[in-house]
Amino acid sequence: MSEQTVFTVMDSPLGEILLVGNDQGMTHLSFQAGSSAITPNEDWRRDNAAFVDAVEQLKVYFSGGLQDFDLPLAPKGTSFQQDVWRFLQTIPYGKTTSYGAIAQAMGKPNGSRAVGAANGRNPIAIIIPCHRVIGSNGSLTGYAGGLRFKEALLSLEGNGRIEVSQQLSLF
C-alpha cells in the first residue's frame, strides 16, 4: 500500500465490500449494501494490487475455510477504541460474547455502554470481528452493516454456510 489512501471493491456473498487502506495497513472495510456504506473520496486511488492478500483471505473466509486473518490493520480511533478492537480480535471464530463480558475482561465492569460504542465505531468489519458481540440476553444487537449481515456472518461461523432468515433477505 502507499501513503496515499487506496481502495478496492470486491464481490462477496453479502454484496460488494469496499476495502480502504494506506501504507500502515487496512483502515476500513465497508459493506456497500449496508447502512454504513462508504463512498470513495476523490483523493483516493483505486489499487487492486494493494489488497490482493485481503481479498484472497476474505474469499477463503466466506467459503468457510479461514478463521483467523493475517493482515496489517491501521484503524483510527481513541486509545479506548483501539483497546476494544484489539480485544475483539481475541474472540474465537464461531464464538460470541457480550458487551458486559468484554467490559469486565478489560477491567471496566461498568463500561458495557462504552464498549458498545467502541464496537459500533469499528471501521474494519469482519476482520475485527465486532459481529461476534451480542446482547447479554443472547439477542443480536446493532451492527454497522445491518443485522442481516451480522446474522449471516454468525451463521457462516456456526455452520460453514451463509444463511439469512426470510425476513432479513439480502436483496
C-alpha atoms as a PDB file:
ATOM      1  CA  MET A   1       0.000   0.000   0.000  1.00  0.00           C
ATOM      2  CA  SER A   2       1.084   3.590  -0.251  1.00  0.00           C
ATOM      3  CA  GLU A   3       0.951   6.734   1.880  1.00  0.00           C
ATOM      4  CA  GLN A   4      -1.953   7.795  -0.247  1.00  0.00           C
ATOM      5  CA  THR A   5      -5.322   6.338   0.659  1.00  0.00           C
ATOM      6  CA  VAL A   6      -6.057   3.465  -1.683  1.00  0.00           C
ATOM      7  CA  PHE A   7      -9.094   1.253  -2.125  1.00  0.00           C
ATOM      8  CA  THR A   8     -10.587  -1.656  -3.954  1.00  0.00           C
ATOM      9  CA  VAL A   9     -14.025  -3.200  -4.190  1.00  0.00           C
ATOM     10  CA  MET A  10     -14.645  -6.936  -4.058  1.00  0.00           C
ATOM     11  CA  ASP A  11     -17.714  -9.066  -4.554  1.00  0.00           C
ATOM     12  CA  SER A  12     -18.810 -11.256  -1.663  1.00  0.00           C
ATOM     13  CA  PRO A  13     -21.821 -13.390  -0.783  1.00  0.00           C
ATOM     14  CA  LEU A  14     -23.089 -10.301   1.068  1.00  0.00           C
ATOM     15  CA  GLY A  15     -22.659  -7.933  -1.870  1.00  0.00           C
ATOM     16  CA  GLU A  16     -19.861  -5.516  -2.644  1.00  0.00           C
ATOM     17  CA  ILE A  17     -17.283  -4.817   0.035  1.00  0.00           C
ATOM     18  CA  LEU A  18     -15.094  -1.709  -0.053  1.00  0.00           C
ATOM     19  CA  LEU A  19     -11.558  -2.104   1.331  1.00  0.00           C
ATOM     20  CA  VAL A  20      -9.594   1.054   2.183  1.00  0.00           C
ATOM     21  CA  GLY A  21      -6.023   1.416   3.387  1.00  0.00           C
ATOM     22  CA  ASN A  22      -2.719   3.254   3.366  1.00  0.00           C
ATOM     23  CA  ASP A  23       0.947   2.402   3.900  1.00  0.00           C
ATOM     24  CA  GLN A  24       0.194   1.359   7.501  1.00  0.00           C
ATOM     25  CA  GLY A  25      -2.456  -1.212   6.584  1.00  0.00           C
ATOM     26  CA  MET A  26      -6.196  -1.549   6.112  1.00  0.00           C
ATOM     27  CA  THR A  27      -8.188   1.313   7.596  1.00  0.00           C
ATOM     28  CA  HIS A  28     -11.764   0.391   6.607  1.00  0.00           C
ATOM     29  CA  LEU A  29     -13.902  -2.488   5.407  1.00  0.00           C
ATOM     30  CA  SER A  30     -17.431  -1.483   4.464  1.00  0.00           C
ATOM     31  CA  PHE A  31     -20.449  -3.438   3.226  1.00  0.00           C
ATOM     32  CA  GLN A  32     -21.592  -1.294   0.333  1.00  0.00           C
ATOM     33  CA  ALA A  33     -25.172  -2.556   0.601  1.00  0.00           C
ATOM     34  CA  GLY A  34     -25.230  -1.880   4.341  1.00  0.00           C
ATOM     35  CA  SER A  35     -26.364   1.118   6.295  1.00  0.00           C
ATOM     36  CA  SER A  36     -22.797   2.351   6.796  1.00  0.00           C
ATOM     37  CA  ALA A  37     -21.572   2.220   3.177  1.00  0.00           C
ATOM     38  CA  ILE A  38     -18.571   4.417   2.416  1.00  0.00           C
ATOM     39  CA  THR A  39     -18.199   6.399  -0.798  1.00  0.00           C
ATOM     40  CA  PRO A  40     -14.598   6.579  -2.037  1.00  0.00           C
ATOM     41  CA  ASN A  41     -13.152  10.059  -1.678  1.00  0.00           C
ATOM     42  CA  GLU A  42     -11.937  11.677  -4.903  1.00  0.00           C
ATOM     43  CA  ASP A  43      -8.410  11.820  -3.392  1.00  0.00           C
ATOM     44  CA  TRP A  44      -8.332   8.040  -3.045  1.00  0.00           C
ATOM     45  CA  ARG A  45      -6.725   5.886  -5.714  1.00  0.00           C
ATOM     46  CA  ARG A  46      -8.047   2.511  -6.766  1.00  0.00           C
ATOM     47  CA  ASP A  47      -5.268  -0.043  -6.231  1.00  0.00           C
ATOM     48  CA  ASN A  48      -6.411  -3.651  -6.531  1.00  0.00           C
ATOM     49  CA  ALA A  49      -2.843  -4.943  -6.108  1.00  0.00           C
ATOM     50  CA  ALA A  50      -2.583  -3.410  -2.618  1.00  0.00           C
ATOM     51  CA  PHE A  51      -5.411  -5.654  -1.422  1.00  0.00           C
ATOM     52  CA  VAL A  52      -4.578  -8.997  -3.053  1.00  0.00           C
ATOM     53  CA  ASP A  53      -3.928 -10.708   0.306  1.00  0.00           C
ATOM     54  CA  ALA A  54      -7.019  -9.194   1.923  1.00  0.00           C
ATOM     55  CA  VAL A  55      -9.294 -10.171  -0.962  1.00  0.00           C
ATOM     56  CA  GLU A  56      -7.913 -13.714  -1.014  1.00  0.00           C
ATOM     57  CA  GLN A  57      -8.295 -14.137   2.756  1.00  0.00           C
ATOM     58  CA  LEU A  58     -11.853 -12.787   2.651  1.00  0.00           C
ATOM     59  CA  LYS A  59     -12.766 -15.187  -0.176  1.00  0.00           C
ATOM     60  CA  VAL A  60     -11.427 -18.114   1.853  1.00  0.00           C
ATOM     61  CA  TYR A  61     -13.277 -16.816   4.942  1.00  0.00           C
ATOM     62  CA  PHE A  62     -16.562 -16.637   3.024  1.00  0.00           C
ATOM     63  CA  SER A  63     -16.047 -20.205   1.796  1.00  0.00           C
ATOM     64  CA  GLY A  64     -15.733 -21.319   5.442  1.00  0.00           C
ATOM     65  CA  GLY A  65     -12.020 -22.082   5.195  1.00  0.00           C
ATOM     66  CA  LEU A  66     -10.420 -19.225   7.179  1.00  0.00           C
ATOM     67  CA  GLN A  67     -10.862 -18.499  10.864  1.00  0.00           C
ATOM     68  CA  ASP A  68      -8.061 -16.017  11.576  1.00  0.00           C
ATOM     69  CA  PHE A  69      -6.983 -13.139   9.362  1.00  0.00           C
ATOM     70  CA  ASP A  70      -3.316 -12.221   8.983  1.00  0.00           C
ATOM     71  CA  LEU A  71      -3.354  -8.693   7.583  1.00  0.00           C
ATOM     72  CA  PRO A  72      -1.797  -5.362   8.570  1.00  0.00           C
ATOM     73  CA  LEU A  73      -4.514  -3.210  10.108  1.00  0.00           C
ATOM     74  CA  ALA A  74      -4.463   0.523  10.802  1.00  0.00           C
ATOM     75  CA  PRO A  75      -7.849   1.548  12.214  1.00  0.00           C
ATOM     76  CA  LYS A  76      -8.021   5.073  13.577  1.00  0.00           C
ATOM     77  CA  GLY A  77      -9.676   5.628  16.935  1.00  0.00           C
ATOM     78  CA  THR A  78      -9.200   6.660  20.530  1.00  0.00           C
ATOM     79  CA  SER A  79      -6.959   4.677  22.839  1.00  0.00           C
ATOM     80  CA  PHE A  80     -10.017   3.019  24.403  1.00  0.00           C
ATOM     81  CA  GLN A  81     -11.480   2.157  20.993  1.00  0.00           C
ATOM     82  CA  GLN A  82      -8.150   0.642  19.955  1.00  0.00           C
ATOM     83  CA  ASP A  83      -8.139  -1.454  23.151  1.00  0.00           C
ATOM     84  CA  VAL A  84     -11.661  -2.705  22.449  1.00  0.00           C
ATOM     85  CA  TRP A  85     -10.821  -3.502  18.811  1.00  0.00           C
ATOM     86  CA  ARG A  86      -7.755  -5.465  19.902  1.00  0.00           C
ATOM     87  CA  PHE A  87      -9.919  -7.375  22.367  1.00  0.00           C
ATOM     88  CA  LEU A  88     -12.461  -8.167  19.639  1.00  0.00           C
ATOM     89  CA  GLN A  89      -9.698  -9.889  17.687  1.00  0.00           C
ATOM     90  CA  THR A  90      -9.289 -12.364  20.556  1.00  0.00           C
ATOM     91  CA  ILE A  91     -12.889 -13.621  20.339  1.00  0.00           C
ATOM     92  CA  PRO A  92     -12.592 -17.071  18.747  1.00  0.00           C
ATOM     93  CA  TYR A  93     -14.204 -17.866  15.411  1.00  0.00           C
ATOM     94  CA  GLY A  94     -17.654 -19.343  15.944  1.00  0.00           C
ATOM     95  CA  LYS A  95     -17.996 -17.890  19.459  1.00  0.00           C
ATOM     96  CA  THR A  96     -19.857 -14.859  20.748  1.00  0.00           C
ATOM     97  CA  THR A  97     -19.610 -12.681  23.826  1.00  0.00           C
ATOM     98  CA  SER A  98     -21.460  -9.706  25.288  1.00  0.00           C
ATOM     99  CA  TYR A  99     -20.529  -6.064  25.753  1.00  0.00           C
ATOM    100  CA  GLY A 100     -20.628  -6.588  29.515  1.00  0.00           C
ATOM    101  CA  ALA A 101     -18.291  -9.578  29.371  1.00  0.00           C
ATOM    102  CA  ILE A 102     -15.804  -7.564  27.316  1.00  0.00           C
ATOM    103  CA  ALA A 103     -16.014  -4.635  29.735  1.00  0.00           C
ATOM    104  CA  GLN A 104     -15.455  -6.994  32.673  1.00  0.00           C
ATOM    105  CA  ALA A 105     -12.478  -8.663  30.957  1.00  0.00           C
ATOM    106  CA  MET A 106     -10.975  -5.249  30.230  1.00  0.00           C
ATOM    107  CA  GLY A 107     -11.248  -4.241  33.893  1.00  0.00           C
ATOM    108  CA  LYS A 108     -14.135  -1.827  33.272  1.00  0.00           C
ATOM    109  CA  PRO A 109     -17.077  -3.609  34.967  1.00  0.00           C
ATOM    110  CA  ASN A 110     -19.416  -0.643  34.401  1.00  0.00           C
ATOM    111  CA  GLY A 111     -18.177   0.000  30.879  1.00  0.00           C
ATOM    112  CA  SER A 112     -20.531  -2.064  28.742  1.00  0.00           C
ATOM    113  CA  ARG A 113     -22.018   1.014  27.051  1.00  0.00           C
ATOM    114  CA  ALA A 114     -18.566   2.404  26.295  1.00  0.00           C
ATOM    115  CA  VAL A 115     -17.571  -0.987  24.880  1.00  0.00           C
ATOM    116  CA  GLY A 116     -20.746  -0.968  22.788  1.00  0.00           C
ATOM    117  CA  ALA A 117     -19.955   2.495  21.465  1.00  0.00           C
ATOM    118  CA  ALA A 118     -16.387   1.480  20.562  1.00  0.00           C
ATOM    119  CA  ASN A 119     -17.675  -1.720  18.975  1.00  0.00           C
ATOM    120  CA  GLY A 120     -20.101   0.345  16.891  1.00  0.00           C
ATOM    121  CA  ARG A 121     -17.265   2.511  15.612  1.00  0.00           C
ATOM    122  CA  ASN A 122     -15.155  -0.424  14.429  1.00  0.00           C
ATOM    123  CA  PRO A 123     -14.070   0.609  10.916  1.00  0.00           C
ATOM    124  CA  ILE A 124     -12.865  -2.837   9.791  1.00  0.00           C
ATOM    125  CA  ALA A 125     -15.866  -5.160   9.949  1.00  0.00           C
ATOM    126  CA  ILE A 126     -15.339  -8.934   9.682  1.00  0.00           C
ATOM    127  CA  ILE A 127     -11.562  -8.745  10.179  1.00  0.00           C
ATOM    128  CA  ILE A 128     -12.021  -7.031  13.540  1.00  0.00           C
ATOM    129  CA  PRO A 129     -14.970  -9.296  14.387  1.00  0.00           C
ATOM    130  CA  CYS A 130     -17.461  -6.967  16.048  1.00  0.00           C
ATOM    131  CA  HIS A 131     -20.217  -9.235  14.685  1.00  0.00           C
ATOM    132  CA  ARG A 132     -19.300 -11.713  17.442  1.00  0.00           C
ATOM    133  CA  VAL A 133     -20.618  -9.353  20.136  1.00  0.00           C
ATOM    134  CA  ILE A 134     -24.245  -9.899  21.116  1.00  0.00           C
ATOM    135  CA  GLY A 135     -26.571  -8.690  23.838  1.00  0.00           C
ATOM    136  CA  SER A 136     -26.232 -10.161  27.327  1.00  0.00           C
ATOM    137  CA  ASN A 137     -29.566 -11.928  26.755  1.00  0.00           C
ATOM    138  CA  GLY A 138     -28.226 -13.588  23.595  1.00  0.00           C
ATOM    139  CA  SER A 139     -30.051 -11.291  21.190  1.00  0.00           C
ATOM    140  CA  LEU A 140     -28.460  -9.848  18.089  1.00  0.00           C
ATOM    141  CA  THR A 141     -27.744  -6.186  18.650  1.00  0.00           C
ATOM    142  CA  GLY A 142     -26.776  -3.377  16.287  1.00  0.00           C
ATOM    143  CA  TYR A 143     -24.276  -3.889  13.513  1.00  0.00           C
ATOM    144  CA  ALA A 144     -22.964  -1.171  11.210  1.00  0.00           C
ATOM    145  CA  GLY A 145     -23.658  -3.262   8.123  1.00  0.00           C
ATOM    146  CA  GLY A 146     -27.134  -4.132   9.384  1.00  0.00           C
ATOM    147  CA  LEU A 147     -28.386  -7.060  11.435  1.00  0.00           C
ATOM    148  CA  ARG A 148     -28.872  -9.195   8.316  1.00  0.00           C
ATOM    149  CA  PHE A 149     -25.108  -9.133   7.736  1.00  0.00           C
ATOM    150  CA  LYS A 150     -24.376  -9.904  11.384  1.00  0.00           C
ATOM    151  CA  GLU A 151     -26.782 -12.832  11.258  1.00  0.00           C
ATOM    152  CA  ALA A 152     -25.177 -14.095   8.032  1.00  0.00           C
ATOM    153  CA  LEU A 153     -21.627 -13.892   9.431  1.00  0.00           C
ATOM    154  CA  LEU A 154     -22.594 -15.693  12.639  1.00  0.00           C
ATOM    155  CA  SER A 155     -24.336 -18.341  10.536  1.00  0.00           C
ATOM    156  CA  LEU A 156     -21.192 -18.792   8.423  1.00  0.00           C
ATOM    157  CA  GLU A 157     -19.048 -19.167  11.529  1.00  0.00           C
ATOM    158  CA  GLY A 158     -21.549 -21.520  13.141  1.00  0.00           C
ATOM    159  CA  ASN A 159     -22.194 -23.952  10.318  1.00  0.00           C
ATOM    160  CA  GLY A 160     -19.915 -23.001   7.439  1.00  0.00           C
ATOM    161  CA  ARG A 161     -22.694 -21.524   5.303  1.00  0.00           C
ATOM    162  CA  ILE A 162     -24.101 -18.055   4.935  1.00  0.00           C
ATOM    163  CA  GLU A 163     -27.772 -18.239   5.823  1.00  0.00           C
ATOM    164  CA  VAL A 164     -30.092 -15.329   6.233  1.00  0.00           C
ATOM    165  CA  SER A 165     -33.649 -15.601   7.504  1.00  0.00           C
ATOM    166  CA  GLN A 166     -36.513 -14.818   5.125  1.00  0.00           C
ATOM    167  CA  GLN A 167     -37.400 -11.557   6.834  1.00  0.00           C
ATOM    168  CA  LEU A 168     -33.771 -10.411   6.675  1.00  0.00           C
ATOM    169  CA  SER A 169     -33.333 -11.153   2.986  1.00  0.00           C
ATOM    170  CA  LEU A 170     -30.233  -9.572   1.493  1.00  0.00           C
ATOM    171  CA  PHE A 171     -31.948  -8.401  -1.671  1.00  0.00           C
END
